[in-house]
Protein backbone atom coordinates (compact mmCIF):
# COMPACT_ATOMS: atom_id res chain seq x y z
CA MET A 1 -5.75 -7.43 28.83
CA PRO A 2 -2.52 -9.37 28.22
CA VAL A 3 -3.87 -10.83 24.96
CA LEU A 4 -3.97 -7.34 23.46
CA GLU A 5 -0.19 -7.16 23.74
CA ILE A 6 0.28 -10.06 21.32
CA ILE A 7 -2.75 -10.15 19.02
CA ARG A 8 -2.42 -8.55 15.59
CA ILE A 9 -4.58 -5.75 14.28
CA GLY A 10 -7.74 -7.31 12.84
CA GLY A 11 -7.27 -10.48 14.92
CA VAL A 12 -9.97 -12.74 16.32
CA ILE A 13 -10.46 -13.68 19.96
CA ALA A 14 -12.52 -16.85 20.29
CA THR A 15 -13.80 -17.81 23.73
CA TYR A 16 -15.98 -20.54 25.11
CA SER A 17 -15.84 -19.73 28.79
CA SER A 18 -15.18 -17.12 31.44
CA SER A 19 -14.31 -17.41 35.10
CA VAL A 20 -16.58 -14.42 35.80
CA ALA A 21 -20.22 -13.97 34.84
CA GLU A 22 -19.76 -10.51 33.28
CA PRO A 23 -16.15 -9.90 32.19
CA SER A 24 -14.98 -6.36 31.47
CA LEU A 25 -13.37 -5.54 28.14
CA ALA A 26 -10.92 -2.93 26.97
CA PHE A 27 -13.57 -1.84 24.48
CA ARG A 28 -11.95 1.31 23.04
CA ARG A 29 -8.55 -0.34 22.56
CA MET A 30 -10.14 -3.42 21.00
CA MET A 31 -12.23 -1.24 18.70
CA PHE A 32 -9.20 0.65 17.41
CA MET A 33 -7.41 -2.68 16.87
CA ASP A 34 -10.36 -3.80 14.73
CA LEU A 35 -10.69 -7.04 16.72
CA THR A 36 -13.42 -9.63 16.43
CA LEU A 37 -14.72 -11.25 19.60
CA ARG A 38 -16.31 -14.60 18.82
CA MET A 39 -18.32 -16.56 21.39
CA VAL A 40 -18.06 -20.28 20.69
CA ILE A 41 -20.76 -22.69 21.81
CA VAL A 42 -19.21 -26.09 21.14
CA TYR A 43 -22.52 -27.87 21.77
CA ALA A 44 -24.13 -25.93 18.90
CA MET A 45 -21.36 -26.64 16.37
CA PRO A 46 -22.10 -29.14 13.60
CA GLU A 47 -20.38 -32.51 14.04
CA SER A 48 -18.43 -31.94 10.80
CA ALA A 49 -16.90 -28.75 12.28
CA LYS A 50 -15.86 -30.62 15.43
CA GLU A 51 -14.32 -33.42 13.36
CA GLN A 52 -12.42 -30.91 11.22
CA ALA A 53 -11.16 -29.13 14.35
CA ILE A 54 -9.88 -32.43 15.75
CA GLN A 55 -8.07 -33.20 12.49
CA ASP A 56 -6.56 -29.69 12.35
CA ILE A 57 -5.39 -29.77 15.96
CA ASN A 58 -3.89 -33.26 15.58
CA GLN A 59 -2.06 -32.18 12.43
CA HIS A 60 -0.60 -29.11 14.15
CA LEU A 61 0.44 -31.14 17.19
CA THR A 62 2.08 -33.75 14.95
CA ASN A 63 3.91 -31.04 13.00
CA GLN A 64 4.81 -29.29 16.27
CA THR A 65 3.29 -26.05 14.98
CA LEU A 66 0.88 -25.96 17.92
CA GLN A 67 1.96 -26.71 21.44
CA HIS A 68 -0.07 -26.75 24.63
CA ARG A 69 1.16 -24.47 27.37
CA ILE A 70 1.34 -26.83 30.33
CA GLY A 71 1.21 -24.85 33.54
CA ALA A 72 1.34 -27.71 36.04
CA THR A 73 1.30 -31.49 36.22
CA TYR A 74 -0.06 -33.64 39.05
CA PRO A 75 -0.12 -37.35 39.78
CA LEU A 76 -3.58 -38.91 40.03
CA GLU A 77 -3.20 -39.08 43.82
CA ARG A 78 -3.23 -35.24 43.87
CA PHE A 79 -6.32 -34.84 41.69
CA ALA A 80 -8.00 -32.58 44.28
CA ASP A 81 -4.95 -30.27 44.18
CA SER A 82 -5.13 -30.09 40.39
CA ASN A 83 -8.79 -29.12 40.58
CA GLU A 84 -8.05 -26.44 43.16
CA ALA A 85 -5.31 -25.00 40.94
CA ILE A 86 -7.82 -24.64 38.11
CA GLU A 87 -10.58 -23.22 40.29
CA THR A 88 -8.35 -20.62 41.96
CA GLY A 89 -6.66 -19.62 38.72
CA SER A 90 -3.23 -20.07 40.30
CA VAL A 91 -1.87 -21.85 37.21
CA ARG A 92 -1.40 -20.20 33.83
CA GLY A 93 -1.82 -22.83 31.14
CA CYS A 94 -3.16 -26.36 31.07
CA VAL A 95 -3.25 -28.58 34.13
CA VAL A 96 -2.33 -32.17 33.33
CA VAL A 97 -3.11 -35.13 35.58
CA HIS A 98 -0.91 -38.18 34.98
CA ILE A 99 -2.70 -41.52 35.19
CA ASP A 100 0.08 -44.07 35.58
């Protein structure tokens, strides 16, 4: 797992999705790193938590302490290509569609 190369001991992995129904985990390595795996169900979060998350993310983006990893950009005319890139997993990072 590439994330295990950069996460600190005692870190938290939060996930809300998986491209496979039953992902495999590096259980022993994660156990000895004392990691927490947190499943996030956004639909079950209180509205106040969502609002706080939006404020926190906006603040970090404004301060440039959080940056999105943009893997590919597409014009609106190539929307189908952008979808295919996401579905096939051929792009690492966010896929952005420009609406000009």
